C-alpha atoms as a PDB file:
ATOM      1  CA  UNK A   1      19.801  -6.396  21.881  1.00  0.00           C
ATOM      2  CA  UNK A   2      16.462  -4.630  21.470  1.00  0.00           C
ATOM      3  CA  UNK A   3      15.471  -6.340  18.222  1.00  0.00           C
ATOM      4  CA  UNK A   4      15.356  -9.917  19.434  1.00  0.00           C
ATOM      5  CA  UNK A   5      12.302 -12.121  19.879  1.00  0.00           C
ATOM      6  CA  UNK A   6      11.989 -14.628  22.764  1.00  0.00           C
ATOM      7  CA  UNK A   7      12.868 -18.264  22.182  1.00  0.00           C
ATOM      8  CA  UNK A   8      10.168 -20.375  20.551  1.00  0.00           C
ATOM      9  CA  UNK A   9       7.778 -22.130  22.941  1.00  0.00           C
ATOM     10  CA  UNK A  10       5.069 -23.475  20.682  1.00  0.00           C
ATOM     11  CA  UNK A  11       3.203 -22.201  17.627  1.00  0.00           C
ATOM     12  CA  UNK A  12       0.278 -20.549  19.450  1.00  0.00           C
ATOM     13  CA  UNK A  13       2.470 -18.861  22.032  1.00  0.00           C
ATOM     14  CA  UNK A  14       4.904 -17.718  19.350  1.00  0.00           C
ATOM     15  CA  UNK A  15       2.029 -16.259  17.307  1.00  0.00           C
ATOM     16  CA  UNK A  16       0.701 -14.291  20.270  1.00  0.00           C
ATOM     17  CA  UNK A  17       4.149 -13.090  21.283  1.00  0.00           C
ATOM     18  CA  UNK A  18       5.001 -11.962  17.762  1.00  0.00           C
ATOM     19  CA  UNK A  19       1.627 -10.231  17.368  1.00  0.00           C
ATOM     20  CA  UNK A  20       2.222  -8.330  20.592  1.00  0.00           C
ATOM     21  CA  UNK A  21       5.758  -7.359  19.600  1.00  0.00           C
ATOM     22  CA  UNK A  22       4.536  -6.247  16.170  1.00  0.00           C
ATOM     23  CA  UNK A  23       1.832  -4.049  17.701  1.00  0.00           C
ATOM     24  CA  UNK A  24       4.320  -2.513  20.115  1.00  0.00           C
ATOM     25  CA  UNK A  25       6.796  -1.940  17.299  1.00  0.00           C
ATOM     26  CA  UNK A  26       4.066  -0.298  15.201  1.00  0.00           C
ATOM     27  CA  UNK A  27       3.088   2.108  17.981  1.00  0.00           C
ATOM     28  CA  UNK A  28       6.714   2.910  18.697  1.00  0.00           C
ATOM     29  CA  UNK A  29       7.481   3.471  15.007  1.00  0.00           C
ATOM     30  CA  UNK A  30       4.491   5.742  14.386  1.00  0.00           C
ATOM     31  CA  UNK A  31       5.246   7.729  17.530  1.00  0.00           C
ATOM     32  CA  UNK A  32       8.926   8.078  16.662  1.00  0.00           C
ATOM     33  CA  UNK A  33       8.061   9.142  13.113  1.00  0.00           C
ATOM     34  CA  UNK A  34       5.649  11.843  14.260  1.00  0.00           C
ATOM     35  CA  UNK A  35       8.058  13.135  16.903  1.00  0.00           C
ATOM     36  CA  UNK A  36      11.020  13.179  14.520  1.00  0.00           C
ATOM     37  CA  UNK A  37       8.996  15.125  11.929  1.00  0.00           C
ATOM     38  CA  UNK A  38       7.778  17.800  14.347  1.00  0.00           C
ATOM     39  CA  UNK A  39      11.203  18.115  15.991  1.00  0.00           C
ATOM     40  CA  UNK A  40      12.946  18.245  12.596  1.00  0.00           C
ATOM     41  CA  UNK A  41      15.034  15.191  13.410  1.00  0.00           C
ATOM     42  CA  UNK A  42      13.948  13.164  10.403  1.00  0.00           C
ATOM     43  CA  UNK A  43      16.876  12.288   8.143  1.00  0.00           C
ATOM     44  CA  UNK A  44      16.061  14.162   4.941  1.00  0.00           C
ATOM     45  CA  UNK A  45      18.765  12.462   2.893  1.00  0.00           C
ATOM     46  CA  UNK A  46      17.648   8.971   3.939  1.00  0.00           C
ATOM     47  CA  UNK A  47      14.021   9.867   3.287  1.00  0.00           C
ATOM     48  CA  UNK A  48      14.800  11.174  -0.195  1.00  0.00           C
ATOM     49  CA  UNK A  49      16.915   8.132  -1.010  1.00  0.00           C
ATOM     50  CA  UNK A  50      14.167   5.776   0.129  1.00  0.00           C
ATOM     51  CA  UNK A  51      11.511   7.758  -1.748  1.00  0.00           C
ATOM     52  CA  UNK A  52      13.470   7.488  -4.969  1.00  0.00           C
ATOM     53  CA  UNK A  53      14.213   3.821  -4.369  1.00  0.00           C
ATOM     54  CA  UNK A  54      10.628   2.826  -3.519  1.00  0.00           C
ATOM     55  CA  UNK A  55       9.261   4.900  -6.387  1.00  0.00           C
ATOM     56  CA  UNK A  56      11.706   3.342  -8.834  1.00  0.00           C
ATOM     57  CA  UNK A  57      10.867  -0.243  -7.910  1.00  0.00           C
ATOM     58  CA  UNK A  58       7.101   0.297  -7.589  1.00  0.00           C
ATOM     59  CA  UNK A  59       5.998   2.703 -10.316  1.00  0.00           C
ATOM     60  CA  UNK A  60       6.676   0.553 -13.364  1.00  0.00           C
ATOM     61  CA  UNK A  61       5.033  -2.628 -12.043  1.00  0.00           C
ATOM     62  CA  UNK A  62       2.053  -0.664 -10.714  1.00  0.00           C
ATOM     63  CA  UNK A  63       1.341   1.016 -14.039  1.00  0.00           C
ATOM     64  CA  UNK A  64       1.867  -2.208 -15.974  1.00  0.00           C
ATOM     65  CA  UNK A  65      -0.518  -3.985 -13.618  1.00  0.00           C
ATOM     66  CA  UNK A  66      -3.152  -1.254 -13.763  1.00  0.00           C
ATOM     67  CA  UNK A  67      -3.398  -1.257 -17.565  1.00  0.00           C
ATOM     68  CA  UNK A  68      -4.683  -4.869 -17.859  1.00  0.00           C
ATOM     69  CA  UNK A  69      -6.832  -4.354 -14.747  1.00  0.00           C
ATOM     70  CA  UNK A  70      -8.423  -1.306 -16.357  1.00  0.00           C
ATOM     71  CA  UNK A  71      -8.960  -3.144 -19.632  1.00  0.00           C
ATOM     72  CA  UNK A  72     -10.433  -6.164 -17.821  1.00  0.00           C
ATOM     73  CA  UNK A  73     -12.847  -3.900 -15.941  1.00  0.00           C
ATOM     74  CA  UNK A  74     -13.776  -2.132 -19.161  1.00  0.00           C
ATOM     75  CA  UNK A  75     -14.411  -5.412 -20.985  1.00  0.00           C
ATOM     76  CA  UNK A  76     -16.470  -6.856 -18.131  1.00  0.00           C
ATOM     77  CA  UNK A  77     -18.464  -3.669 -17.705  1.00  0.00           C
ATOM     78  CA  UNK A  78     -18.915  -3.300 -21.458  1.00  0.00           C
ATOM     79  CA  UNK A  79     -20.310  -6.806 -21.882  1.00  0.00           C
ATOM     80  CA  UNK A  80     -22.681  -6.495 -18.935  1.00  0.00           C
ATOM     81  CA  UNK A  81     -23.827  -3.004 -19.877  1.00  0.00           C
ATOM     82  CA  UNK A  82     -24.390  -4.088 -23.473  1.00  0.00           C
ATOM     83  CA  UNK A  83     -26.585  -7.000 -22.409  1.00  0.00           C
ATOM     84  CA  UNK A  84     -28.870  -4.825 -20.286  1.00  0.00           C
ATOM     85  CA  UNK A  85     -28.791  -1.826 -22.617  1.00  0.00           C
ATOM     86  CA  UNK A  86     -26.914   0.474 -20.226  1.00  0.00           C
ATOM     87  CA  UNK A  87     -23.659   1.051 -22.078  1.00  0.00           C
ATOM     88  CA  UNK A  88     -23.764   4.731 -21.220  1.00  0.00           C
ATOM     89  CA  UNK A  89     -23.352   3.957 -17.532  1.00  0.00           C
ATOM     90  CA  UNK A  90     -19.939   2.341 -17.873  1.00  0.00           C
ATOM     91  CA  UNK A  91     -18.337   5.539 -16.581  1.00  0.00           C
ATOM     92  CA  UNK A  92     -20.243   5.207 -13.316  1.00  0.00           C
ATOM     93  CA  UNK A  93     -19.097   1.609 -12.792  1.00  0.00           C
ATOM     94  CA  UNK A  94     -15.500   2.536 -13.634  1.00  0.00           C
ATOM     95  CA  UNK A  95     -15.648   5.395 -11.130  1.00  0.00           C
ATOM     96  CA  UNK A  96     -16.861   3.041  -8.420  1.00  0.00           C
ATOM     97  CA  UNK A  97     -14.439   0.176  -9.104  1.00  0.00           C
ATOM     98  CA  UNK A  98     -11.216   1.925 -10.093  1.00  0.00           C
ATOM     99  CA  UNK A  99     -11.407   5.098  -8.024  1.00  0.00           C
ATOM    100  CA  UNK A 100     -13.051   3.444  -5.043  1.00  0.00           C
ATOM    101  CA  UNK A 101     -11.203   0.120  -4.828  1.00  0.00           C
ATOM    102  CA  UNK A 102      -8.775  -0.951  -7.545  1.00  0.00           C
ATOM    103  CA  UNK A 103      -6.335   1.977  -7.413  1.00  0.00           C
ATOM    104  CA  UNK A 104      -5.715   1.678  -3.671  1.00  0.00           C
ATOM    105  CA  UNK A 105      -5.418  -2.109  -3.844  1.00  0.00           C
ATOM    106  CA  UNK A 106      -2.881  -1.948  -6.672  1.00  0.00           C
ATOM    107  CA  UNK A 107      -0.836   0.443  -4.525  1.00  0.00           C
ATOM    108  CA  UNK A 108      -1.166  -1.983  -1.631  1.00  0.00           C
ATOM    109  CA  UNK A 109       0.121  -4.850  -3.758  1.00  0.00           C
ATOM    110  CA  UNK A 110       3.135  -2.783  -4.780  1.00  0.00           C
ATOM    111  CA  UNK A 111       3.855  -1.578  -1.241  1.00  0.00           C
ATOM    112  CA  UNK A 112       3.577  -5.051   0.261  1.00  0.00           C
ATOM    113  CA  UNK A 113       4.961  -7.208  -2.536  1.00  0.00           C
ATOM    114  CA  UNK A 114       7.618  -4.995  -4.109  1.00  0.00           C
ATOM    115  CA  UNK A 115       8.625  -2.179  -1.769  1.00  0.00           C
ATOM    116  CA  UNK A 116       7.970  -4.208   1.389  1.00  0.00           C
ATOM    117  CA  UNK A 117      10.117  -7.115   0.277  1.00  0.00           C
ATOM    118  CA  UNK A 118      12.940  -4.743  -0.692  1.00  0.00           C
ATOM    119  CA  UNK A 119      12.787  -2.956   2.666  1.00  0.00           C
ATOM    120  CA  UNK A 120      12.707  -6.231   4.586  1.00  0.00           C
ATOM    121  CA  UNK A 121      15.649  -7.591   2.610  1.00  0.00           C
ATOM    122  CA  UNK A 122      17.694  -4.447   3.198  1.00  0.00           C
ATOM    123  CA  UNK A 123      17.095  -4.322   6.947  1.00  0.00           C
ATOM    124  CA  UNK A 124      17.381  -8.092   7.305  1.00  0.00           C
ATOM    125  CA  UNK A 125      20.759  -8.064   5.587  1.00  0.00           C
ATOM    126  CA  UNK A 126      21.943  -5.342   7.936  1.00  0.00           C
ATOM    127  CA  UNK A 127      20.674  -7.349  10.874  1.00  0.00           C
ATOM    128  CA  UNK A 128      22.525 -10.551  10.049  1.00  0.00           C
ATOM    129  CA  UNK A 129      25.692  -8.521   9.328  1.00  0.00           C
ATOM    130  CA  UNK A 130      25.272  -7.078  12.851  1.00  0.00           C
ATOM    131  CA  UNK A 131      25.042  -3.515  11.545  1.00  0.00           C
ATOM    132  CA  UNK A 132      21.837  -2.971  13.542  1.00  0.00           C
ATOM    133  CA  UNK A 133      23.554  -4.176  16.698  1.00  0.00           C
ATOM    134  CA  UNK A 134      26.453  -1.810  16.008  1.00  0.00           C
ATOM    135  CA  UNK A 135      24.059   1.150  15.681  1.00  0.00           C
ATOM    136  CA  UNK A 136      22.469   0.250  19.000  1.00  0.00           C
ATOM    137  CA  UNK A 137      25.873  -0.015  20.690  1.00  0.00           C
ATOM    138  CA  UNK A 138      26.727   3.484  19.413  1.00  0.00           C
ATOM    139  CA  UNK A 139      23.514   4.817  20.956  1.00  0.00           C
ATOM    140  CA  UNK A 140      21.745   5.527  17.661  1.00  0.00           C
ATOM    141  CA  UNK A 141      17.977   5.111  17.670  1.00  0.00           C
ATOM    142  CA  UNK A 142      17.434   2.571  14.909  1.00  0.00           C
ATOM    143  CA  UNK A 143      13.737   3.368  14.550  1.00  0.00           C
ATOM    144  CA  UNK A 144      14.364   7.088  14.057  1.00  0.00           C
ATOM    145  CA  UNK A 145      17.372   6.530  11.816  1.00  0.00           C
ATOM    146  CA  UNK A 146      16.105   3.682   9.609  1.00  0.00           C
ATOM    147  CA  UNK A 147      12.398   3.012  10.117  1.00  0.00           C
ATOM    148  CA  UNK A 148      10.938   6.537  10.199  1.00  0.00           C
ATOM    149  CA  UNK A 149      12.429   7.622   6.836  1.00  0.00           C
ATOM    150  CA  UNK A 150      11.096   4.470   5.191  1.00  0.00           C
ATOM    151  CA  UNK A 151       7.614   5.043   6.585  1.00  0.00           C
ATOM    152  CA  UNK A 152       7.521   8.630   5.328  1.00  0.00           C
ATOM    153  CA  UNK A 153       8.943   7.627   1.943  1.00  0.00           C
ATOM    154  CA  UNK A 154       6.450   4.785   1.507  1.00  0.00           C
ATOM    155  CA  UNK A 155       3.500   7.054   2.303  1.00  0.00           C
ATOM    156  CA  UNK A 156       4.696   9.715  -0.150  1.00  0.00           C
ATOM    157  CA  UNK A 157       5.187   7.167  -2.922  1.00  0.00           C
ATOM    158  CA  UNK A 158       1.827   5.527  -2.206  1.00  0.00           C
ATOM    159  CA  UNK A 159      -0.035   8.836  -2.512  1.00  0.00           C
ATOM    160  CA  UNK A 160       1.637   9.683  -5.823  1.00  0.00           C
ATOM    161  CA  UNK A 161       1.282   6.122  -7.094  1.00  0.00           C
ATOM    162  CA  UNK A 162      -2.431   6.013  -6.245  1.00  0.00           C
ATOM    163  CA  UNK A 163      -2.993   9.144  -8.321  1.00  0.00           C
ATOM    164  CA  UNK A 164      -1.026   7.737 -11.258  1.00  0.00           C
ATOM    165  CA  UNK A 165      -2.731   4.348 -11.335  1.00  0.00           C
ATOM    166  CA  UNK A 166      -6.133   6.016 -11.060  1.00  0.00           C
ATOM    167  CA  UNK A 167      -5.413   8.091 -14.147  1.00  0.00           C
ATOM    168  CA  UNK A 168      -4.052   5.066 -16.035  1.00  0.00           C
ATOM    169  CA  UNK A 169      -6.977   2.829 -15.072  1.00  0.00           C
ATOM    170  CA  UNK A 170      -9.640   5.372 -15.947  1.00  0.00           C
ATOM    171  CA  UNK A 171      -7.797   6.199 -19.168  1.00  0.00           C
ATOM    172  CA  UNK A 172      -7.693   2.543 -20.224  1.00  0.00           C
ATOM    173  CA  UNK A 173     -11.428   2.175 -19.607  1.00  0.00           C
ATOM    174  CA  UNK A 174     -12.163   5.402 -21.459  1.00  0.00           C
ATOM    175  CA  UNK A 175     -10.167   4.366 -24.521  1.00  0.00           C
ATOM    176  CA  UNK A 176     -11.870   0.959 -24.571  1.00  0.00           C
ATOM    177  CA  UNK A 177     -15.269   2.640 -24.262  1.00  0.00           C
ATOM    178  CA  UNK A 178     -14.446   5.047 -27.079  1.00  0.00           C
ATOM    179  CA  UNK A 179     -12.492   2.987 -29.624  1.00  0.00           C
ATOM    180  CA  UNK A 180     -13.617  -0.601 -29.011  1.00  0.00           C
ATOM    181  CA  UNK A 181     -17.237  -0.213 -28.018  1.00  0.00           C
ATOM    182  CA  UNK A 182     -17.627   2.885 -30.233  1.00  0.00           C
ATOM    183  CA  UNK A 183     -19.802   4.582 -27.659  1.00  0.00           C
ATOM    184  CA  UNK A 184     -20.002   8.375 -27.268  1.00  0.00           C
ATOM    185  CA  UNK A 185     -17.399   9.958 -25.030  1.00  0.00           C
ATOM    186  CA  UNK A 186     -19.962  12.305 -23.519  1.00  0.00           C
ATOM    187  CA  UNK A 187     -21.946   9.447 -21.977  1.00  0.00           C
ATOM    188  CA  UNK A 188     -18.851   8.041 -20.278  1.00  0.00           C
ATOM    189  CA  UNK A 189     -17.733  11.412 -18.939  1.00  0.00           C
ATOM    190  CA  UNK A 190     -21.238  12.391 -17.801  1.00  0.00           C
ATOM    191  CA  UNK A 191     -21.794   9.290 -15.695  1.00  0.00           C
ATOM    192  CA  UNK A 192     -18.189   9.262 -14.498  1.00  0.00           C
ATOM    193  CA  UNK A 193     -18.434  12.851 -13.248  1.00  0.00           C
ATOM    194  CA  UNK A 194     -21.840  12.130 -11.707  1.00  0.00           C
ATOM    195  CA  UNK A 195     -20.814   9.033  -9.744  1.00  0.00           C
ATOM    196  CA  UNK A 196     -17.086   9.677  -9.327  1.00  0.00           C
ATOM    197  CA  UNK A 197     -16.892  11.975  -6.318  1.00  0.00           C
ATOM    198  CA  UNK A 198     -13.928  13.813  -4.869  1.00  0.00           C
ATOM    199  CA  UNK A 199     -14.531  12.064  -1.563  1.00  0.00           C
ATOM    200  CA  UNK A 200     -14.026   8.685  -3.282  1.00  0.00           C
ATOM    201  CA  UNK A 201     -10.618   9.766  -4.536  1.00  0.00           C
ATOM    202  CA  UNK A 202      -9.678  11.204  -1.138  1.00  0.00           C
ATOM    203  CA  UNK A 203     -10.655   7.896   0.481  1.00  0.00           C
ATOM    204  CA  UNK A 204      -8.509   6.055  -2.056  1.00  0.00           C
ATOM    205  CA  UNK A 205      -5.553   8.235  -1.022  1.00  0.00           C
ATOM    206  CA  UNK A 206      -6.257   7.550   2.651  1.00  0.00           C
ATOM    207  CA  UNK A 207      -6.358   3.823   1.951  1.00  0.00           C
ATOM    208  CA  UNK A 208      -3.119   3.964  -0.033  1.00  0.00           C
ATOM    209  CA  UNK A 209      -1.349   5.818   2.787  1.00  0.00           C
ATOM    210  CA  UNK A 210      -2.683   3.362   5.378  1.00  0.00           C
ATOM    211  CA  UNK A 211      -1.657   0.361   3.295  1.00  0.00           C
ATOM    212  CA  UNK A 212       1.825   1.815   2.819  1.00  0.00           C
ATOM    213  CA  UNK A 213       2.126   2.393   6.572  1.00  0.00           C
ATOM    214  CA  UNK A 214       1.057  -1.163   7.401  1.00  0.00           C
ATOM    215  CA  UNK A 215       3.279  -2.771   4.784  1.00  0.00           C
ATOM    216  CA  UNK A 216       6.335  -0.751   5.778  1.00  0.00           C
ATOM    217  CA  UNK A 217       5.924  -1.408   9.489  1.00  0.00           C
ATOM    218  CA  UNK A 218       5.572  -5.159   8.907  1.00  0.00           C
ATOM    219  CA  UNK A 219       8.554  -5.191   6.530  1.00  0.00           C
ATOM    220  CA  UNK A 220      10.731  -3.225   8.965  1.00  0.00           C
ATOM    221  CA  UNK A 221       9.709  -5.413  11.905  1.00  0.00           C
ATOM    222  CA  UNK A 222      10.477  -8.632  10.059  1.00  0.00           C
ATOM    223  CA  UNK A 223      13.729  -7.274   8.685  1.00  0.00           C
ATOM    224  CA  UNK A 224      15.010  -6.014  12.038  1.00  0.00           C
ATOM    225  CA  UNK A 225      14.099  -9.305  13.720  1.00  0.00           C
ATOM    226  CA  UNK A 226      15.554 -11.585  11.036  1.00  0.00           C
ATOM    227  CA  UNK A 227      17.839 -14.333  12.254  1.00  0.00           C
ATOM    228  CA  UNK A 228      19.434 -17.472  10.921  1.00  0.00           C
ATOM    229  CA  UNK A 229      21.622 -16.046   8.174  1.00  0.00           C
ATOM    230  CA  UNK A 230      20.601 -15.509   4.543  1.00  0.00           C
ATOM    231  CA  UNK A 231      17.913 -18.190   4.702  1.00  0.00           C
ATOM    232  CA  UNK A 232      16.432 -16.400   7.708  1.00  0.00           C
ATOM    233  CA  UNK A 233      16.241 -13.179   5.729  1.00  0.00           C
ATOM    234  CA  UNK A 234      14.430 -14.987   2.917  1.00  0.00           C
ATOM    235  CA  UNK A 235      11.959 -16.442   5.426  1.00  0.00           C
ATOM    236  CA  UNK A 236      11.427 -12.990   6.932  1.00  0.00           C
ATOM    237  CA  UNK A 237      10.663 -11.516   3.502  1.00  0.00           C
ATOM    238  CA  UNK A 238       8.118 -14.245   2.747  1.00  0.00           C
ATOM    239  CA  UNK A 239       6.436 -13.781   6.114  1.00  0.00           C
ATOM    240  CA  UNK A 240       6.379 -10.000   5.742  1.00  0.00           C
ATOM    241  CA  UNK A 241       4.680 -10.148   2.347  1.00  0.00           C
ATOM    242  CA  UNK A 242       2.034 -12.636   3.495  1.00  0.00           C
ATOM    243  CA  UNK A 243       1.260 -10.743   6.717  1.00  0.00           C
ATOM    244  CA  UNK A 244       1.123  -7.415   4.879  1.00  0.00           C
ATOM    245  CA  UNK A 245      -1.298  -8.809   2.293  1.00  0.00           C
ATOM    246  CA  UNK A 246      -3.561 -10.166   5.034  1.00  0.00           C
ATOM    247  CA  UNK A 247      -3.562  -6.890   6.960  1.00  0.00           C
ATOM    248  CA  UNK A 248      -4.201  -4.876   3.795  1.00  0.00           C
ATOM    249  CA  UNK A 249      -7.324  -6.818   2.885  1.00  0.00           C
ATOM    250  CA  UNK A 250      -8.614  -6.699   6.464  1.00  0.00           C
ATOM    251  CA  UNK A 251      -8.109  -2.938   6.746  1.00  0.00           C
ATOM    252  CA  UNK A 252      -9.522  -2.402   3.256  1.00  0.00           C
ATOM    253  CA  UNK A 253     -12.752  -4.079   4.310  1.00  0.00           C
ATOM    254  CA  UNK A 254     -12.946  -2.047   7.525  1.00  0.00           C
ATOM    255  CA  UNK A 255     -12.211   1.279   5.813  1.00  0.00           C
ATOM    256  CA  UNK A 256     -14.654   0.572   2.988  1.00  0.00           C
ATOM    257  CA  UNK A 257     -17.444  -0.206   5.447  1.00  0.00           C
ATOM    258  CA  UNK A 258     -16.708   2.896   7.503  1.00  0.00           C
ATOM    259  CA  UNK A 259     -16.685   5.044   4.370  1.00  0.00           C
ATOM    260  CA  UNK A 260     -20.012   3.648   3.174  1.00  0.00           C
ATOM    261  CA  UNK A 261     -21.527   4.531   6.563  1.00  0.00           C
ATOM    262  CA  UNK A 262     -20.062   8.035   6.771  1.00  0.00           C
ATOM    263  CA  UNK A 263     -20.563   9.016   3.107  1.00  0.00           C
ATOM    264  CA  UNK A 264     -23.901   7.878   1.599  1.00  0.00           C
ATOM    265  CA  UNK A 265     -23.908   6.560  -1.951  1.00  0.00           C
ATOM    266  CA  UNK A 266     -24.942   8.800  -4.818  1.00  0.00           C
ATOM    267  CA  UNK A 267     -28.716   8.930  -5.048  1.00  0.00           C
ATOM    268  CA  UNK A 268     -29.227   7.355  -1.611  1.00  0.00           C
ATOM    269  CA  UNK A 269     -31.148  10.395  -0.439  1.00  0.00           C
END
């Protein structure tokens, strides 16, 4: 069948072989997704079902995680700003940390740890029950039928989730600034609007979409190549989450550096 990896021949060789297969699967999945969208072959019902499913399992944990993150940032910023007499600039720091980094990373954690594990488990279970093999025998393109809708759904959820966690994180910092530090709201909003640019938020959305794409591709690859029964599915889920986390942090560093080069910081010129 198409979704089978070669027999193991050593850890280094297996790593290189799996990396090559993953890259090929990623290119094939992205290409199939784009083609199916423009040719109107994307399964709308499957996409909607996956969007609702991923949103249901990811939204609650993401918002609950962002609230303490926002409060922690507010406390840390408040203490530092108070020591150097710059409490009015907390809005600028919040804009840089939450809008620029934290919101996209929280989405990445949800896509890789929550949605990715669910997707990998679903496809892995179908694989060990030989449902994937049955689809291939019937001539159904598994990538178009199962992978493409999950990629589109994950990207949609990531974009919406990034917007929600940004609002929650900024709101938590604002309330801490206003009711705990008892600082004027105008100072927070003035510095936040000055240093929080639209381009930062757009970059956060781009990062969230990229992280969702990476996490979903890894989860689908591991799920479709699971073997060894239920324990093999569990191993595939663990591997998918770890690999997705590693790729997310690597791509986050690359995208952040590219953004800092293309878009100068406020006040740089």
